[in-house]
Amino acid sequence: MGEKLLDLGNSMHDVAGVIQLAVAPVFLLSAVGITLTVLTNRLARIVDRARNLEDLVKPSDATDLRERQDQLRILARRARLINWSITLSVLCAILVSCVVVALFLRASLEVDLSKTISTLFIAAMLTFIAALIVFLREVFLSIYALRIGLKR
């Protein structure tokens, strides 16, 4: 009986250790989730702005029409960039989730998955970095297209 309790204590200790190891990737997962919220809100604003511009496009003034079409092209480009950033962020979240799964598999199956875990984590970080770079590009494009009371 005492041996079973000792074994149960060791397995609980192992699970607690794995949970402690999984905390860092879960914090990263939380950060990715917040980033996804920002990105989807930004995409929604781009889509709303594009719809408003499409409603305003009237063939009456050629200069105004051309200007609005240019704005629509920029909005379409921004939407594509945000879409790429969202895709990369979701891929990062999937990879981080795989890291957590691999951590628990390593503990429960008692197999060496350290290379797999490190590869998954590095891939997750690279996709998150790429998502942030694409997002930054979209921000630069939005600043470039910004017009506050000035006509170009």
Protein backbone atom coordinates (compact mmCIF):
# COMPACT_ATOMS: atom_id res chain seq x y z
CA MET A 1 0.00 0.00 0.00
CA GLY A 2 2.81 2.40 0.92
CA GLU A 3 4.53 1.62 -2.38
CA LYS A 4 1.37 2.61 -4.35
CA LEU A 5 1.14 5.89 -2.45
CA LEU A 6 4.82 6.60 -3.17
CA ASP A 7 4.26 5.86 -6.89
CA LEU A 8 1.17 8.09 -6.93
CA GLY A 9 3.16 10.85 -5.25
CA ASN A 10 5.90 10.58 -7.89
CA SER A 11 3.42 10.67 -10.77
CA MET A 12 1.68 13.72 -9.26
CA HIS A 13 5.08 15.35 -8.88
CA ASP A 14 5.83 14.57 -12.55
CA VAL A 15 2.52 16.08 -13.68
CA ALA A 16 3.13 19.16 -11.55
CA GLY A 17 6.56 19.54 -13.13
CA VAL A 18 5.11 19.24 -16.63
CA ILE A 19 2.46 21.83 -15.79
CA GLN A 20 5.22 24.16 -14.58
CA LEU A 21 7.10 23.63 -17.85
CA ALA A 22 3.92 24.27 -19.83
CA VAL A 23 3.28 27.63 -18.16
CA ALA A 24 5.69 29.59 -20.40
CA PRO A 25 4.19 28.28 -23.66
CA VAL A 26 0.70 28.95 -22.30
CA PHE A 27 1.67 32.58 -21.58
CA LEU A 28 2.90 32.79 -25.17
CA LEU A 29 -0.42 31.33 -26.29
CA SER A 30 -2.19 34.05 -24.33
CA ALA A 31 -0.07 36.74 -26.02
CA VAL A 32 -0.86 35.26 -29.43
CA GLY A 33 -4.57 35.28 -28.55
CA ILE A 34 -4.42 38.96 -27.63
CA THR A 35 -2.52 39.67 -30.85
CA LEU A 36 -5.21 37.84 -32.82
CA THR A 37 -7.86 40.01 -31.18
CA VAL A 38 -5.99 43.15 -32.23
CA LEU A 39 -5.50 41.84 -35.77
CA THR A 40 -9.12 40.78 -36.27
CA ASN A 41 -10.36 44.14 -34.95
CA ARG A 42 -8.00 45.91 -37.32
CA LEU A 43 -9.20 43.77 -40.23
CA ALA A 44 -12.82 44.58 -39.35
CA ARG A 45 -12.03 48.30 -39.42
CA ILE A 46 -10.31 47.95 -42.80
CA VAL A 47 -13.31 46.09 -44.21
CA ASP A 48 -15.73 48.69 -42.81
CA ARG A 49 -13.67 51.53 -44.29
CA ALA A 50 -13.54 49.78 -47.67
CA ARG A 51 -17.32 49.26 -47.67
CA ASN A 52 -17.86 52.93 -46.86
CA LEU A 53 -15.54 53.99 -49.66
CA GLU A 54 -17.24 51.65 -52.13
CA ASP A 55 -20.57 53.27 -51.28
CA LEU A 56 -19.08 56.72 -51.92
CA VAL A 57 -17.60 55.85 -55.32
CA LYS A 58 -19.67 57.66 -57.95
CA PRO A 59 -18.61 58.20 -61.52
CA SER A 60 -19.37 61.93 -61.35
CA ASP A 61 -15.88 63.25 -60.63
CA ALA A 62 -13.02 61.38 -62.31
CA THR A 63 -10.36 62.76 -59.93
CA ASP A 64 -12.39 61.88 -56.86
CA LEU A 65 -13.17 58.46 -58.32
CA ARG A 66 -9.49 57.77 -59.00
CA GLU A 67 -8.56 58.89 -55.48
CA ARG A 68 -11.14 56.61 -53.89
CA GLN A 69 -10.05 53.70 -56.07
CA ASP A 70 -6.46 54.28 -54.92
CA GLN A 71 -7.65 54.24 -51.32
CA LEU A 72 -9.54 51.02 -51.97
CA ARG A 73 -6.40 49.42 -53.45
CA ILE A 74 -4.43 50.39 -50.35
CA LEU A 75 -7.16 49.01 -48.09
CA ALA A 76 -7.15 45.76 -50.06
CA ARG A 77 -3.38 45.51 -49.65
CA ARG A 78 -3.67 46.24 -45.93
CA ALA A 79 -6.37 43.56 -45.59
CA ARG A 80 -4.10 41.01 -47.31
CA LEU A 81 -1.24 41.89 -44.94
CA ILE A 82 -3.49 41.56 -41.89
CA ASN A 83 -4.78 38.25 -43.24
CA TRP A 84 -1.20 36.98 -43.53
CA SER A 85 -0.47 38.17 -40.00
CA ILE A 86 -3.57 36.40 -38.69
CA THR A 87 -2.61 33.21 -40.53
CA LEU A 88 0.92 33.28 -39.10
CA SER A 89 -0.42 33.99 -35.60
CA VAL A 90 -2.84 31.07 -35.79
CA LEU A 91 -0.01 28.84 -37.01
CA CYS A 92 2.05 30.03 -34.04
CA ALA A 93 -0.80 29.18 -31.67
CA ILE A 94 -1.08 25.70 -33.18
CA LEU A 95 2.68 25.14 -32.81
CA VAL A 96 2.64 26.34 -29.18
CA SER A 97 -0.29 24.02 -28.48
CA CYS A 98 1.76 21.17 -29.99
CA VAL A 99 4.62 22.11 -27.63
CA VAL A 100 2.30 21.72 -24.64
CA VAL A 101 0.99 18.39 -25.95
CA ALA A 102 4.55 17.18 -26.56
CA LEU A 103 5.55 18.16 -23.01
CA PHE A 104 2.76 16.02 -21.58
CA LEU A 105 3.48 13.15 -23.97
CA ARG A 106 7.14 13.25 -22.95
CA ALA A 107 6.18 12.93 -19.30
CA SER A 108 3.46 10.33 -19.70
CA LEU A 109 5.19 8.12 -22.29
CA GLU A 110 8.66 8.72 -20.82
CA VAL A 111 10.22 9.28 -24.25
CA ASP A 112 12.79 11.88 -25.23
CA LEU A 113 10.94 14.53 -27.21
CA SER A 114 13.33 17.37 -26.38
CA LYS A 115 14.36 17.92 -30.02
CA THR A 116 10.75 17.86 -31.15
CA ILE A 117 9.74 20.28 -28.40
CA SER A 118 12.58 22.69 -29.13
CA THR A 119 11.91 22.52 -32.90
CA LEU A 120 8.21 23.23 -32.37
CA PHE A 121 8.97 26.11 -30.01
CA ILE A 122 11.52 27.66 -32.39
CA ALA A 123 9.04 27.31 -35.27
CA ALA A 124 6.34 28.94 -33.13
CA MET A 125 8.60 31.87 -32.28
CA LEU A 126 9.64 32.31 -35.93
CA THR A 127 6.02 32.36 -37.09
CA PHE A 128 5.13 34.86 -34.37
CA ILE A 129 8.08 37.06 -35.38
CA ALA A 130 6.93 36.85 -39.01
CA ALA A 131 3.36 37.74 -37.99
CA LEU A 132 4.62 40.79 -36.12
CA ILE A 133 6.79 41.88 -39.06
CA VAL A 134 3.84 41.59 -41.47
CA PHE A 135 1.69 43.50 -38.97
CA LEU A 136 4.33 46.22 -38.76
CA ARG A 137 4.35 46.44 -42.57
CA GLU A 138 0.59 46.94 -42.50
CA VAL A 139 0.96 49.68 -39.89
CA PHE A 140 3.56 51.43 -42.06
CA LEU A 141 1.21 51.18 -45.05
CA SER A 142 -1.69 52.61 -43.04
CA ILE A 143 0.49 55.54 -41.89
CA TYR A 144 1.62 56.12 -45.48
CA ALA A 145 -2.01 56.25 -46.63
CA LEU A 146 -3.10 58.48 -43.73
CA ARG A 147 -4.63 61.77 -44.81
CA ILE A 148 -5.50 64.31 -42.18
CA GLY A 149 -6.95 67.40 -43.82
CA LEU A 150 -4.35 67.33 -46.59
CA LYS A 151 -4.86 66.59 -50.26
CA ARG A 152 -1.97 65.06 -52.11
